[in-house]
Amino acid sequence: MMEYKKPEDIFPVKCTKLTDWKFIAIKNTEMFLYYDFLDYKNKEVGGFNFYCIEAVMWGGSKFKRIDGCKCIFKGIAYWDGIRHLYFGDKQTDNYGYLYYPHIDDLNLALKELKKLEKKYCRKD
């Protein structure tokens, strides 16, 4: 059975909580693309880590709190672009595997990732 976690219980890099990262809500989906710079002093060319989640359980007033999510993809971009892209995560019990993926939603999330790559990675 898949293990769903709250976003604040996911630690994508060392001791950094996912919810400490910046994020983009992917329009018309239940997906959120989190990212964190590798070098805050030189973020325009330093690259970034990224972690995309899909909310699967909501709570709180007006269901604004994510009570469960799964990792859709994660990875790292360096100065020259996206270098590593992984699907799923061991923390959400779906590493390397997406069950019934929403391809249209996945496409929207990857387009947002491409925008971040263009903005923060230098292309020579």
PDB file of N, CA and C in Angstrom:
ATOM      1  N   MET A   1       0.830  -1.177   0.000  1.00  0.00           N
ATOM      2  CA  MET A   1       0.000   0.000   0.000  1.00  0.00           C
ATOM      3  C   MET A   1       0.878   1.245   0.000  1.00  0.00           C
ATOM      4  N   MET A   2       0.510   2.223  -0.813  1.00  0.00           N
ATOM      5  CA  MET A   2       1.294   3.434  -0.926  1.00  0.00           C
ATOM      6  C   MET A   2       1.210   4.259   0.355  1.00  0.00           C
ATOM      7  N   GLU A   3       2.343   4.795   0.763  1.00  0.00           N
ATOM      8  CA  GLU A   3       2.409   5.619   1.967  1.00  0.00           C
ATOM      9  C   GLU A   3       2.337   7.090   1.568  1.00  0.00           C
ATOM     10  N   TYR A   4       1.270   7.758   1.967  1.00  0.00           N
ATOM     11  CA  TYR A   4       1.135   9.184   1.690  1.00  0.00           C
ATOM     12  C   TYR A   4       1.671   9.973   2.874  1.00  0.00           C
ATOM     13  N   LYS A   5       2.360  11.053   2.581  1.00  0.00           N
ATOM     14  CA  LYS A   5       2.916  11.903   3.624  1.00  0.00           C
ATOM     15  C   LYS A   5       2.442  13.325   3.442  1.00  0.00           C
ATOM     16  N   LYS A   6       2.494  14.081   4.512  1.00  0.00           N
ATOM     17  CA  LYS A   6       2.258  15.517   4.429  1.00  0.00           C
ATOM     18  C   LYS A   6       3.525  16.148   3.848  1.00  0.00           C
ATOM     19  N   PRO A   7       3.385  17.234   3.096  1.00  0.00           N
ATOM     20  CA  PRO A   7       4.584  17.864   2.518  1.00  0.00           C
ATOM     21  C   PRO A   7       5.642  18.220   3.563  1.00  0.00           C
ATOM     22  N   GLU A   8       5.214  18.634   4.754  1.00  0.00           N
ATOM     23  CA  GLU A   8       6.188  19.019   5.784  1.00  0.00           C
ATOM     24  C   GLU A   8       6.936  17.827   6.364  1.00  0.00           C
ATOM     25  N   ASP A   9       6.517  16.609   6.049  1.00  0.00           N
ATOM     26  CA  ASP A   9       7.195  15.404   6.519  1.00  0.00           C
ATOM     27  C   ASP A   9       8.146  14.817   5.483  1.00  0.00           C
ATOM     28  N   ILE A  10       8.339  15.519   4.377  1.00  0.00           N
ATOM     29  CA  ILE A  10       9.241  15.061   3.318  1.00  0.00           C
ATOM     30  C   ILE A  10      10.537  15.864   3.398  1.00  0.00           C
ATOM     31  N   PHE A  11      11.654  15.163   3.356  1.00  0.00           N
ATOM     32  CA  PHE A  11      12.976  15.782   3.419  1.00  0.00           C
ATOM     33  C   PHE A  11      13.752  15.395   2.159  1.00  0.00           C
ATOM     34  N   PRO A  12      13.632  16.193   1.081  1.00  0.00           N
ATOM     35  CA  PRO A  12      14.258  15.810  -0.182  1.00  0.00           C
ATOM     36  C   PRO A  12      15.781  15.880  -0.186  1.00  0.00           C
ATOM     37  N   VAL A  13      16.362  16.814   0.563  1.00  0.00           N
ATOM     38  CA  VAL A  13      17.815  16.975   0.567  1.00  0.00           C
ATOM     39  C   VAL A  13      18.290  17.149   2.001  1.00  0.00           C
ATOM     40  N   LYS A  14      19.111  16.237   2.457  1.00  0.00           N
ATOM     41  CA  LYS A  14      19.690  16.284   3.802  1.00  0.00           C
ATOM     42  C   LYS A  14      18.624  16.578   4.847  1.00  0.00           C
ATOM     43  N   CYS A  15      18.776  17.666   5.574  1.00  0.00           N
ATOM     44  CA  CYS A  15      17.845  18.001   6.661  1.00  0.00           C
ATOM     45  C   CYS A  15      16.886  19.116   6.282  1.00  0.00           C
ATOM     46  N   THR A  16      16.733  19.384   5.020  1.00  0.00           N
ATOM     47  CA  THR A  16      15.869  20.462   4.558  1.00  0.00           C
ATOM     48  C   THR A  16      14.451  19.948   4.351  1.00  0.00           C
ATOM     49  N   LYS A  17      13.485  20.605   5.004  1.00  0.00           N
ATOM     50  CA  LYS A  17      12.086  20.228   4.803  1.00  0.00           C
ATOM     51  C   LYS A  17      11.602  20.767   3.468  1.00  0.00           C
ATOM     52  N   LEU A  18      10.786  19.988   2.799  1.00  0.00           N
ATOM     53  CA  LEU A  18      10.229  20.399   1.515  1.00  0.00           C
ATOM     54  C   LEU A  18       9.492  21.728   1.634  1.00  0.00           C
ATOM     55  N   THR A  19       8.768  21.918   2.709  1.00  0.00           N
ATOM     56  CA  THR A  19       7.961  23.131   2.863  1.00  0.00           C
ATOM     57  C   THR A  19       8.800  24.379   3.139  1.00  0.00           C
ATOM     58  N   ASP A  20      10.109  24.229   3.316  1.00  0.00           N
ATOM     59  CA  ASP A  20      10.996  25.392   3.431  1.00  0.00           C
ATOM     60  C   ASP A  20      11.406  25.915   2.056  1.00  0.00           C
ATOM     61  N   TRP A  21      11.109  25.168   1.015  1.00  0.00           N
ATOM     62  CA  TRP A  21      11.467  25.561  -0.351  1.00  0.00           C
ATOM     63  C   TRP A  21      10.399  26.473  -0.943  1.00  0.00           C
ATOM     64  N   LYS A  22      10.756  27.170  -2.008  1.00  0.00           N
ATOM     65  CA  LYS A  22       9.786  27.939  -2.795  1.00  0.00           C
ATOM     66  C   LYS A  22       8.940  26.934  -3.573  1.00  0.00           C
ATOM     67  N   PHE A  23       7.737  27.340  -3.995  1.00  0.00           N
ATOM     68  CA  PHE A  23       6.934  26.419  -4.795  1.00  0.00           C
ATOM     69  C   PHE A  23       6.070  27.172  -5.798  1.00  0.00           C
ATOM     70  N   ILE A  24       5.673  26.434  -6.808  1.00  0.00           N
ATOM     71  CA  ILE A  24       4.752  26.908  -7.841  1.00  0.00           C
ATOM     72  C   ILE A  24       3.567  25.958  -7.828  1.00  0.00           C
ATOM     73  N   ALA A  25       2.363  26.495  -7.706  1.00  0.00           N
ATOM     74  CA  ALA A  25       1.155  25.676  -7.840  1.00  0.00           C
ATOM     75  C   ALA A  25       0.894  25.509  -9.334  1.00  0.00           C
ATOM     76  N   ILE A  26       0.812  24.281  -9.796  1.00  0.00           N
ATOM     77  CA  ILE A  26       0.578  24.015 -11.216  1.00  0.00           C
ATOM     78  C   ILE A  26      -0.909  24.224 -11.481  1.00  0.00           C
ATOM     79  N   LYS A  27      -1.222  25.169 -12.347  1.00  0.00           N
ATOM     80  CA  LYS A  27      -2.618  25.540 -12.616  1.00  0.00           C
ATOM     81  C   LYS A  27      -3.446  24.349 -13.092  1.00  0.00           C
ATOM     82  N   ASN A  28      -4.682  24.310 -12.620  1.00  0.00           N
ATOM     83  CA  ASN A  28      -5.673  23.297 -13.015  1.00  0.00           C
ATOM     84  C   ASN A  28      -5.267  21.871 -12.662  1.00  0.00           C
ATOM     85  N   THR A  29      -4.397  21.719 -11.680  1.00  0.00           N
ATOM     86  CA  THR A  29      -3.984  20.389 -11.218  1.00  0.00           C
ATOM     87  C   THR A  29      -3.946  20.397  -9.693  1.00  0.00           C
ATOM     88  N   GLU A  30      -3.616  19.270  -9.127  1.00  0.00           N
ATOM     89  CA  GLU A  30      -3.387  19.136  -7.685  1.00  0.00           C
ATOM     90  C   GLU A  30      -1.889  19.039  -7.417  1.00  0.00           C
ATOM     91  N   MET A  31      -1.076  19.566  -8.354  1.00  0.00           N
ATOM     92  CA  MET A  31       0.377  19.430  -8.266  1.00  0.00           C
ATOM     93  C   MET A  31       1.045  20.726  -7.836  1.00  0.00           C
ATOM     94  N   PHE A  32       2.176  20.543  -7.138  1.00  0.00           N
ATOM     95  CA  PHE A  32       2.986  21.664  -6.675  1.00  0.00           C
ATOM     96  C   PHE A  32       4.443  21.341  -6.970  1.00  0.00           C
ATOM     97  N   LEU A  33       5.139  22.286  -7.590  1.00  0.00           N
ATOM     98  CA  LEU A  33       6.548  22.113  -7.928  1.00  0.00           C
ATOM     99  C   LEU A  33       7.382  22.939  -6.950  1.00  0.00           C
ATOM    100  N   TYR A  34       8.091  22.257  -6.067  1.00  0.00           N
ATOM    101  CA  TYR A  34       8.965  22.911  -5.089  1.00  0.00           C
ATOM    102  C   TYR A  34      10.372  22.976  -5.662  1.00  0.00           C
ATOM    103  N   TYR A  35      11.100  24.051  -5.308  1.00  0.00           N
ATOM    104  CA  TYR A  35      12.481  24.169  -5.751  1.00  0.00           C
ATOM    105  C   TYR A  35      13.292  24.965  -4.738  1.00  0.00           C
ATOM    106  N   ASP A  36      14.590  24.689  -4.717  1.00  0.00           N
ATOM    107  CA  ASP A  36      15.506  25.350  -3.797  1.00  0.00           C
ATOM    108  C   ASP A  36      16.842  25.517  -4.504  1.00  0.00           C
ATOM    109  N   PHE A  37      17.419  26.698  -4.390  1.00  0.00           N
ATOM    110  CA  PHE A  37      18.672  26.997  -5.086  1.00  0.00           C
ATOM    111  C   PHE A  37      19.854  26.287  -4.446  1.00  0.00           C
ATOM    112  N   LEU A  38      20.785  25.874  -5.283  1.00  0.00           N
ATOM    113  CA  LEU A  38      22.009  25.257  -4.792  1.00  0.00           C
ATOM    114  C   LEU A  38      22.937  26.307  -4.191  1.00  0.00           C
ATOM    115  N   ASP A  39      22.879  27.531  -4.717  1.00  0.00           N
ATOM    116  CA  ASP A  39      23.750  28.619  -4.272  1.00  0.00           C
ATOM    117  C   ASP A  39      22.951  29.916  -4.286  1.00  0.00           C
ATOM    118  N   TYR A  40      22.529  30.370  -3.122  1.00  0.00           N
ATOM    119  CA  TYR A  40      21.704  31.579  -3.055  1.00  0.00           C
ATOM    120  C   TYR A  40      22.470  32.832  -3.459  1.00  0.00           C
ATOM    121  N   LYS A  41      23.793  32.822  -3.349  1.00  0.00           N
ATOM    122  CA  LYS A  41      24.586  33.987  -3.745  1.00  0.00           C
ATOM    123  C   LYS A  41      24.627  34.144  -5.258  1.00  0.00           C
ATOM    124  N   ASN A  42      24.528  33.036  -5.966  1.00  0.00           N
ATOM    125  CA  ASN A  42      24.671  33.049  -7.421  1.00  0.00           C
ATOM    126  C   ASN A  42      23.533  32.259  -8.059  1.00  0.00           C
ATOM    127  N   LYS A  43      22.288  32.529  -7.635  1.00  0.00           N
ATOM    128  CA  LYS A  43      21.159  31.703  -8.051  1.00  0.00           C
ATOM    129  C   LYS A  43      20.824  31.802  -9.531  1.00  0.00           C
ATOM    130  N   GLU A  44      21.272  32.857 -10.197  1.00  0.00           N
ATOM    131  CA  GLU A  44      20.969  32.992 -11.624  1.00  0.00           C
ATOM    132  C   GLU A  44      21.669  31.924 -12.465  1.00  0.00           C
ATOM    133  N   VAL A  45      22.769  31.386 -11.976  1.00  0.00           N
ATOM    134  CA  VAL A  45      23.483  30.363 -12.750  1.00  0.00           C
ATOM    135  C   VAL A  45      23.897  29.162 -11.904  1.00  0.00           C
ATOM    136  N   GLY A  46      23.459  29.115 -10.652  1.00  0.00           N
ATOM    137  CA  GLY A  46      23.936  28.080  -9.752  1.00  0.00           C
ATOM    138  C   GLY A  46      23.181  26.771  -9.774  1.00  0.00           C
ATOM    139  N   GLY A  47      21.975  26.759 -10.352  1.00  0.00           N
ATOM    140  CA  GLY A  47      21.178  25.543 -10.384  1.00  0.00           C
ATOM    141  C   GLY A  47      20.258  25.415  -9.183  1.00  0.00           C
ATOM    142  N   PHE A  48      19.496  24.318  -9.156  1.00  0.00           N
ATOM    143  CA  PHE A  48      18.494  24.136  -8.109  1.00  0.00           C
ATOM    144  C   PHE A  48      18.081  22.679  -8.002  1.00  0.00           C
ATOM    145  N   ASN A  49      17.602  22.317  -6.816  1.00  0.00           N
ATOM    146  CA  ASN A  49      16.932  21.041  -6.600  1.00  0.00           C
ATOM    147  C   ASN A  49      15.451  21.258  -6.864  1.00  0.00           C
ATOM    148  N   PHE A  50      14.751  20.225  -7.291  1.00  0.00           N
ATOM    149  CA  PHE A  50      13.306  20.344  -7.499  1.00  0.00           C
ATOM    150  C   PHE A  50      12.604  19.076  -7.044  1.00  0.00           C
ATOM    151  N   TYR A  51      11.327  19.236  -6.670  1.00  0.00           N
ATOM    152  CA  TYR A  51      10.537  18.128  -6.136  1.00  0.00           C
ATOM    153  C   TYR A  51       9.077  18.440  -6.411  1.00  0.00           C
ATOM    154  N   CYS A  52       8.432  17.656  -7.231  1.00  0.00           N
ATOM    155  CA  CYS A  52       7.043  17.890  -7.615  1.00  0.00           C
ATOM    156  C   CYS A  52       6.142  16.881  -6.900  1.00  0.00           C
ATOM    157  N   ILE A  53       5.112  17.403  -6.227  1.00  0.00           N
ATOM    158  CA  ILE A  53       4.169  16.531  -5.531  1.00  0.00           C
ATOM    159  C   ILE A  53       2.775  16.666  -6.128  1.00  0.00           C
ATOM    160  N   GLU A  54       1.973  15.644  -5.895  1.00  0.00           N
ATOM    161  CA  GLU A  54       0.551  15.699  -6.203  1.00  0.00           C
ATOM    162  C   GLU A  54      -0.204  15.466  -4.901  1.00  0.00           C
ATOM    163  N   ALA A  55      -1.090  16.397  -4.557  1.00  0.00           N
ATOM    164  CA  ALA A  55      -1.904  16.254  -3.349  1.00  0.00           C
ATOM    165  C   ALA A  55      -2.972  15.192  -3.592  1.00  0.00           C
ATOM    166  N   VAL A  56      -3.099  14.260  -2.644  1.00  0.00           N
ATOM    167  CA  VAL A  56      -4.106  13.206  -2.770  1.00  0.00           C
ATOM    168  C   VAL A  56      -5.092  13.202  -1.605  1.00  0.00           C
ATOM    169  N   MET A  57      -4.757  13.942  -0.526  1.00  0.00           N
ATOM    170  CA  MET A  57      -5.668  14.080   0.617  1.00  0.00           C
ATOM    171  C   MET A  57      -5.600  15.523   1.110  1.00  0.00           C
ATOM    172  N   TRP A  58      -6.781  16.094   1.335  1.00  0.00           N
ATOM    173  CA  TRP A  58      -6.870  17.482   1.794  1.00  0.00           C
ATOM    174  C   TRP A  58      -7.556  17.528   3.148  1.00  0.00           C
ATOM    175  N   GLY A  59      -7.235  18.556   3.949  1.00  0.00           N
ATOM    176  CA  GLY A  59      -7.866  18.734   5.250  1.00  0.00           C
ATOM    177  C   GLY A  59      -7.923  20.201   5.615  1.00  0.00           C
ATOM    178  N   GLY A  60      -8.306  20.462   6.852  1.00  0.00           N
ATOM    179  CA  GLY A  60      -8.396  21.835   7.319  1.00  0.00           C
ATOM    180  C   GLY A  60      -9.652  22.524   6.827  1.00  0.00           C
ATOM    181  N   SER A  61      -9.803  23.775   7.242  1.00  0.00           N
ATOM    182  CA  SER A  61     -10.983  24.529   6.814  1.00  0.00           C
ATOM    183  C   SER A  61     -10.918  24.776   5.314  1.00  0.00           C
ATOM    184  N   LYS A  62     -11.987  24.501   4.655  1.00  0.00           N
ATOM    185  CA  LYS A  62     -12.103  24.655   3.196  1.00  0.00           C
ATOM    186  C   LYS A  62     -11.082  23.791   2.439  1.00  0.00           C
ATOM    187  N   PHE A  63     -10.596  22.743   3.088  1.00  0.00           N
ATOM    188  CA  PHE A  63      -9.670  21.787   2.466  1.00  0.00           C
ATOM    189  C   PHE A  63      -8.471  22.488   1.824  1.00  0.00           C
ATOM    190  N   LYS A  64      -7.838  23.357   2.583  1.00  0.00           N
ATOM    191  CA  LYS A  64      -6.679  24.086   2.072  1.00  0.00           C
ATOM    192  C   LYS A  64      -5.353  23.479   2.527  1.00  0.00           C
ATOM    193  N   ARG A  65      -5.398  22.510   3.422  1.00  0.00           N
ATOM    194  CA  ARG A  65      -4.181  21.890   3.934  1.00  0.00           C
ATOM    195  C   ARG A  65      -3.997  20.528   3.261  1.00  0.00           C
ATOM    196  N   ILE A  66      -2.800  20.270   2.778  1.00  0.00           N
ATOM    197  CA  ILE A  66      -2.502  18.970   2.174  1.00  0.00           C
ATOM    198  C   ILE A  66      -2.177  17.989   3.294  1.00  0.00           C
ATOM    199  N   ASP A  67      -2.999  16.956   3.432  1.00  0.00           N
ATOM    200  CA  ASP A  67      -2.779  15.933   4.449  1.00  0.00           C
ATOM    201  C   ASP A  67      -2.092  14.694   3.893  1.00  0.00           C
ATOM    202  N   GLY A  68      -1.977  14.599   2.591  1.00  0.00           N
ATOM    203  CA  GLY A  68      -1.299  13.472   1.973  1.00  0.00           C
ATOM    204  C   GLY A  68      -0.899  13.815   0.556  1.00  0.00           C
ATOM    205  N   CYS A  69       0.307  13.407   0.177  1.00  0.00           N
ATOM    206  CA  CYS A  69       0.772  13.677  -1.183  1.00  0.00           C
ATOM    207  C   CYS A  69       1.686  12.550  -1.631  1.00  0.00           C
ATOM    208  N   LYS A  70       1.967  12.541  -2.907  1.00  0.00           N
ATOM    209  CA  LYS A  70       2.946  11.600  -3.446  1.00  0.00           C
ATOM    210  C   LYS A  70       3.900  12.372  -4.343  1.00  0.00           C
ATOM    211  N   CYS A  71       5.103  11.887  -4.419  1.00  0.00           N
ATOM    212  CA  CYS A  71       6.101  12.495  -5.286  1.00  0.00           C
ATOM    213  C   CYS A  71       5.815  12.084  -6.727  1.00  0.00           C
ATOM    214  N   ILE A  72       5.792  13.055  -7.616  1.00  0.00           N
ATOM    215  CA  ILE A  72       5.631  12.765  -9.040  1.00  0.00           C
ATOM    216  C   ILE A  72       7.005  12.663  -9.692  1.00  0.00           C
ATOM    217  N   PHE A  73       7.829  13.680  -9.484  1.00  0.00           N
ATOM    218  CA  PHE A  73       9.215  13.614  -9.941  1.00  0.00           C
ATOM    219  C   PHE A  73      10.074  14.509  -9.069  1.00  0.00           C
ATOM    220  N   LYS A  74      11.369  14.285  -9.137  1.00  0.00           N
ATOM    221  CA  LYS A  74      12.330  15.077  -8.380  1.00  0.00           C
ATOM    222  C   LYS A  74      13.645  15.064  -9.131  1.00  0.00           C
ATOM    223  N   GLY A  75      14.538  15.952  -8.743  1.00  0.00           N
ATOM    224  CA  GLY A  75      15.829  15.948  -9.397  1.00  0.00           C
ATOM    225  C   GLY A  75      16.647  17.175  -9.085  1.00  0.00           C
ATOM    226  N   ILE A  76      17.622  17.399  -9.958  1.00  0.00           N
ATOM    227  CA  ILE A  76      18.550  18.504  -9.754  1.00  0.00           C
ATOM    228  C   ILE A  76      18.934  19.108 -11.097  1.00  0.00           C
ATOM    229  N   ALA A  77      19.044  20.423 -11.084  1.00  0.00           N
ATOM    230  CA  ALA A  77      19.517  21.167 -12.252  1.00  0.00           C
ATOM    231  C   ALA A  77      20.788  21.898 -11.837  1.00  0.00           C
ATOM    232  N   TYR A  78      21.772  21.866 -12.717  1.00  0.00           N
ATOM    233  CA  TYR A  78      23.002  22.611 -12.469  1.00  0.00           C
ATOM    234  C   TYR A  78      23.040  23.806 -13.402  1.00  0.00           C
ATOM    235  N   TRP A  79      24.170  24.458 -13.478  1.00  0.00           N
ATOM    236  CA  TRP A  79      24.294  25.669 -14.291  1.00  0.00           C
ATOM    237  C   TRP A  79      23.947  25.424 -15.755  1.00  0.00           C
ATOM    238  N   ASP A  80      24.116  24.187 -16.226  1.00  0.00           N
ATOM    239  CA  ASP A  80      23.907  23.896 -17.649  1.00  0.00           C
ATOM    240  C   ASP A  80      22.550  23.260 -17.946  1.00  0.00           C
ATOM    241  N   GLY A  81      21.684  23.136 -16.943  1.00  0.00           N
ATOM    242  CA  GLY A  81      20.337  22.614 -17.183  1.00  0.00           C
ATOM    243  C   GLY A  81      19.970  21.442 -16.288  1.00  0.00           C
ATOM    244  N   ILE A  82      18.803  20.866 -16.554  1.00  0.00           N
ATOM    245  CA  ILE A  82      18.333  19.701 -15.797  1.00  0.00           C
ATOM    246  C   ILE A  82      19.305  18.557 -16.058  1.00  0.00           C
ATOM    247  N   ARG A  83      19.864  18.016 -14.986  1.00  0.00           N
ATOM    248  CA  ARG A  83      20.834  16.952 -15.155  1.00  0.00           C
ATOM    249  C   ARG A  83      20.307  15.602 -14.675  1.00  0.00           C
ATOM    250  N   HIS A  84      19.497  15.605 -13.631  1.00  0.00           N
ATOM    251  CA  HIS A  84      18.967  14.355 -13.089  1.00  0.00           C
ATOM    252  C   HIS A  84      17.470  14.501 -12.861  1.00  0.00           C
ATOM    253  N   LEU A  85      16.693  13.541 -13.366  1.00  0.00           N
ATOM    254  CA  LEU A  85      15.237  13.539 -13.212  1.00  0.00           C
ATOM    255  C   LEU A  85      14.811  12.131 -12.802  1.00  0.00           C
ATOM    256  N   TYR A  86      14.185  12.038 -11.644  1.00  0.00           N
ATOM    257  CA  TYR A  86      13.728  10.756 -11.115  1.00  0.00           C
ATOM    258  C   TYR A  86      12.217  10.810 -10.930  1.00  0.00           C
ATOM    259  N   PHE A  87      11.556   9.707 -11.171  1.00  0.00           N
ATOM    260  CA  PHE A  87      10.114   9.630 -10.948  1.00  0.00           C
ATOM    261  C   PHE A  87       9.851   8.927  -9.629  1.00  0.00           C
ATOM    262  N   GLY A  88       8.916   9.485  -8.852  1.00  0.00           N
ATOM    263  CA  GLY A  88       8.576   8.920  -7.557  1.00  0.00           C
ATOM    264  C   GLY A  88       9.676   9.125  -6.532  1.00  0.00           C
ATOM    265  N   ASP A  89       9.462   8.567  -5.332  1.00  0.00           N
ATOM    266  CA  ASP A  89      10.416   8.707  -4.239  1.00  0.00           C
ATOM    267  C   ASP A  89      10.170   7.585  -3.232  1.00  0.00           C
ATOM    268  N   LYS A  90      11.236   7.097  -2.614  1.00  0.00           N
ATOM    269  CA  LYS A  90      11.088   6.079  -1.569  1.00  0.00           C
ATOM    270  C   LYS A  90      10.260   6.597  -0.401  1.00  0.00           C
ATOM    271  N   GLN A  91      10.360   7.906  -0.123  1.00  0.00           N
ATOM    272  CA  GLN A  91       9.623   8.481   1.007  1.00  0.00           C
ATOM    273  C   GLN A  91       8.113   8.381   0.824  1.00  0.00           C
ATOM    274  N   THR A  92       7.648   8.379  -0.416  1.00  0.00           N
ATOM    275  CA  THR A  92       6.210   8.249  -0.674  1.00  0.00           C
ATOM    276  C   THR A  92       5.883   6.890  -1.295  1.00  0.00           C
ATOM    277  N   ASP A  93       6.824   5.968  -1.192  1.00  0.00           N
ATOM    278  CA  ASP A  93       6.627   4.569  -1.576  1.00  0.00           C
ATOM    279  C   ASP A  93       6.257   4.378  -3.047  1.00  0.00           C
ATOM    280  N   ASN A  94       6.822   5.209  -3.924  1.00  0.00           N
ATOM    281  CA  ASN A  94       6.560   5.028  -5.358  1.00  0.00           C
ATOM    282  C   ASN A  94       7.799   5.324  -6.190  1.00  0.00           C
ATOM    283  N   TYR A  95       8.993   5.024  -5.657  1.00  0.00           N
ATOM    284  CA  TYR A  95      10.236   5.336  -6.354  1.00  0.00           C
ATOM    285  C   TYR A  95      10.294   4.650  -7.720  1.00  0.00           C
ATOM    286  N   GLY A  96      10.505   5.447  -8.747  1.00  0.00           N
ATOM    287  CA  GLY A  96      10.664   4.932 -10.100  1.00  0.00           C
ATOM    288  C   GLY A  96       9.381   4.492 -10.767  1.00  0.00           C
ATOM    289  N   TYR A  97       8.243   4.835 -10.181  1.00  0.00           N
ATOM    290  CA  TYR A  97       6.989   4.275 -10.674  1.00  0.00           C
ATOM    291  C   TYR A  97       5.843   5.253 -10.456  1.00  0.00           C
ATOM    292  N   LEU A  98       5.024   5.453 -11.474  1.00  0.00           N
ATOM    293  CA  LEU A  98       3.798   6.248 -11.355  1.00  0.00           C
ATOM    294  C   LEU A  98       2.627   5.369 -11.765  1.00  0.00           C
ATOM    295  N   TYR A  99       1.657   5.235 -10.899  1.00  0.00           N
ATOM    296  CA  TYR A  99       0.475   4.412 -11.149  1.00  0.00           C
ATOM    297  C   TYR A  99      -0.621   5.294 -11.729  1.00  0.00           C
ATOM    298  N   TYR A 100      -1.106   4.951 -12.888  1.00  0.00           N
ATOM    299  CA  TYR A 100      -2.114   5.743 -13.603  1.00  0.00           C
ATOM    300  C   TYR A 100      -1.746   7.229 -13.633  1.00  0.00           C
ATOM    301  N   PRO A 101      -0.622   7.563 -14.231  1.00  0.00           N
ATOM    302  CA  PRO A 101      -0.222   8.975 -14.256  1.00  0.00           C
ATOM    303  C   PRO A 101      -1.169   9.817 -15.110  1.00  0.00           C
ATOM    304  N   HIS A 102      -1.380  11.039 -14.663  1.00  0.00           N
ATOM    305  CA  HIS A 102      -2.161  12.006 -15.430  1.00  0.00           C
ATOM    306  C   HIS A 102      -1.184  12.695 -16.377  1.00  0.00           C
ATOM    307  N   ILE A 103      -1.107  12.218 -17.600  1.00  0.00           N
ATOM    308  CA  ILE A 103      -0.105  12.700 -18.546  1.00  0.00           C
ATOM    309  C   ILE A 103      -0.261  14.187 -18.830  1.00  0.00           C
ATOM    310  N   ASP A 104      -1.482  14.684 -18.960  1.00  0.00           N
ATOM    311  CA  ASP A 104      -1.681  16.113 -19.214  1.00  0.00           C
ATOM    312  C   ASP A 104      -1.175  16.947 -18.038  1.00  0.00           C
ATOM    313  N   ASP A 105      -1.454  16.513 -16.810  1.00  0.00           N
ATOM    314  CA  ASP A 105      -0.969  17.226 -15.629  1.00  0.00           C
ATOM    315  C   ASP A 105       0.553  17.141 -15.534  1.00  0.00           C
ATOM    316  N   LEU A 106       1.097  15.978 -15.830  1.00  0.00           N
ATOM    317  CA  LEU A 106       2.543  15.795 -15.818  1.00  0.00           C
ATOM    318  C   LEU A 106       3.203  16.734 -16.826  1.00  0.00           C
ATOM    319  N   ASN A 107       2.595  16.864 -17.985  1.00  0.00           N
ATOM    320  CA  ASN A 107       3.108  17.766 -19.013  1.00  0.00           C
ATOM    321  C   ASN A 107       3.131  19.212 -18.511  1.00  0.00           C
ATOM    322  N   LEU A 108       2.064  19.641 -17.824  1.00  0.00           N
ATOM    323  CA  LEU A 108       2.020  21.003 -17.276  1.00  0.00           C
ATOM    324  C   LEU A 108       3.126  21.221 -16.240  1.00  0.00           C
ATOM    325  N   ALA A 109       3.354  20.234 -15.390  1.00  0.00           N
ATOM    326  CA  ALA A 109       4.406  20.349 -14.375  1.00  0.00           C
ATOM    327  C   ALA A 109       5.787  20.413 -15.024  1.00  0.00           C
ATOM    328  N   LEU A 110       6.008  19.611 -16.050  1.00  0.00           N
ATOM    329  CA  LEU A 110       7.298  19.635 -16.747  1.00  0.00           C
ATOM    330  C   LEU A 110       7.513  20.958 -17.478  1.00  0.00           C
ATOM    331  N   LYS A 111       6.441  21.561 -17.971  1.00  0.00           N
ATOM    332  CA  LYS A 111       6.563  22.885 -18.605  1.00  0.00           C
ATOM    333  C   LYS A 111       7.002  23.929 -17.583  1.00  0.00           C
ATOM    334  N   GLU A 112       6.468  23.856 -16.362  1.00  0.00           N
ATOM    335  CA  GLU A 112       6.897  24.783 -15.306  1.00  0.00           C
ATOM    336  C   GLU A 112       8.356  24.540 -14.936  1.00  0.00           C
ATOM    337  N   LEU A 113       8.758  23.279 -14.912  1.00  0.00           N
ATOM    338  CA  LEU A 113      10.154  22.950 -14.637  1.00  0.00           C
ATOM    339  C   LEU A 113      11.053  23.536 -15.722  1.00  0.00           C
ATOM    340  N   LYS A 114      10.631  23.456 -16.961  1.00  0.00           N
ATOM    341  CA  LYS A 114      11.400  24.016 -18.077  1.00  0.00           C
ATOM    342  C   LYS A 114      11.556  25.532 -17.923  1.00  0.00           C
ATOM    343  N   LYS A 115      10.505  26.213 -17.441  1.00  0.00           N
ATOM    344  CA  LYS A 115      10.597  27.663 -17.200  1.00  0.00           C
ATOM    345  C   LYS A 115      11.659  27.972 -16.145  1.00  0.00           C
ATOM    346  N   LEU A 116      11.694  27.170 -15.082  1.00  0.00           N
ATOM    347  CA  LEU A 116      12.718  27.365 -14.055  1.00  0.00           C
ATOM    348  C   LEU A 116      14.112  27.131 -14.624  1.00  0.00           C
ATOM    349  N   GLU A 117      14.234  26.102 -15.451  1.00  0.00           N
ATOM    350  CA  GLU A 117      15.523  25.810 -16.075  1.00  0.00           C
ATOM    351  C   GLU A 117      15.984  26.989 -16.925  1.00  0.00           C
ATOM    352  N   LYS A 118      15.088  27.543 -17.724  1.00  0.00           N
ATOM    353  CA  LYS A 118      15.449  28.688 -18.569  1.00  0.00           C
ATOM    354  C   LYS A 118      15.847  29.899 -17.735  1.00  0.00           C
ATOM    355  N   LYS A 119      15.184  30.079 -16.607  1.00  0.00           N
ATOM    356  CA  LYS A 119      15.435  31.248 -15.766  1.00  0.00           C
ATOM    357  C   LYS A 119      16.726  31.124 -14.953  1.00  0.00           C
ATOM    358  N   TYR A 120      17.015  29.934 -14.438  1.00  0.00           N
ATOM    359  CA  TYR A 120      18.109  29.790 -13.482  1.00  0.00           C
ATOM    360  C   TYR A 120      19.316  28.985 -13.965  1.00  0.00           C
ATOM    361  N   CYS A 121      19.279  28.468 -15.173  1.00  0.00           N
ATOM    362  CA  CYS A 121      20.416  27.710 -15.683  1.00  0.00           C
ATOM    363  C   CYS A 121      20.937  28.381 -16.948  1.00  0.00           C
ATOM    364  N   ARG A 122      22.224  28.531 -17.004  1.00  0.00           N
ATOM    365  CA  ARG A 122      22.855  29.177 -18.153  1.00  0.00           C
ATOM    366  C   ARG A 122      22.998  28.169 -19.284  1.00  0.00           C
ATOM    367  N   LYS A 123      22.679  28.592 -20.477  1.00  0.00           N
ATOM    368  CA  LYS A 123      22.881  27.737 -21.652  1.00  0.00           C
ATOM    369  C   LYS A 123      23.955  28.376 -22.523  1.00  0.00           C
ATOM    370  N   ASP A 124      25.051  27.689 -22.723  1.00  0.00           N
ATOM    371  CA  ASP A 124      26.136  28.219 -23.574  1.00  0.00           C
ATOM    372  C   ASP A 124      26.030  27.680 -24.975  1.00  0.00           C
TER     373      ASP A 124
END
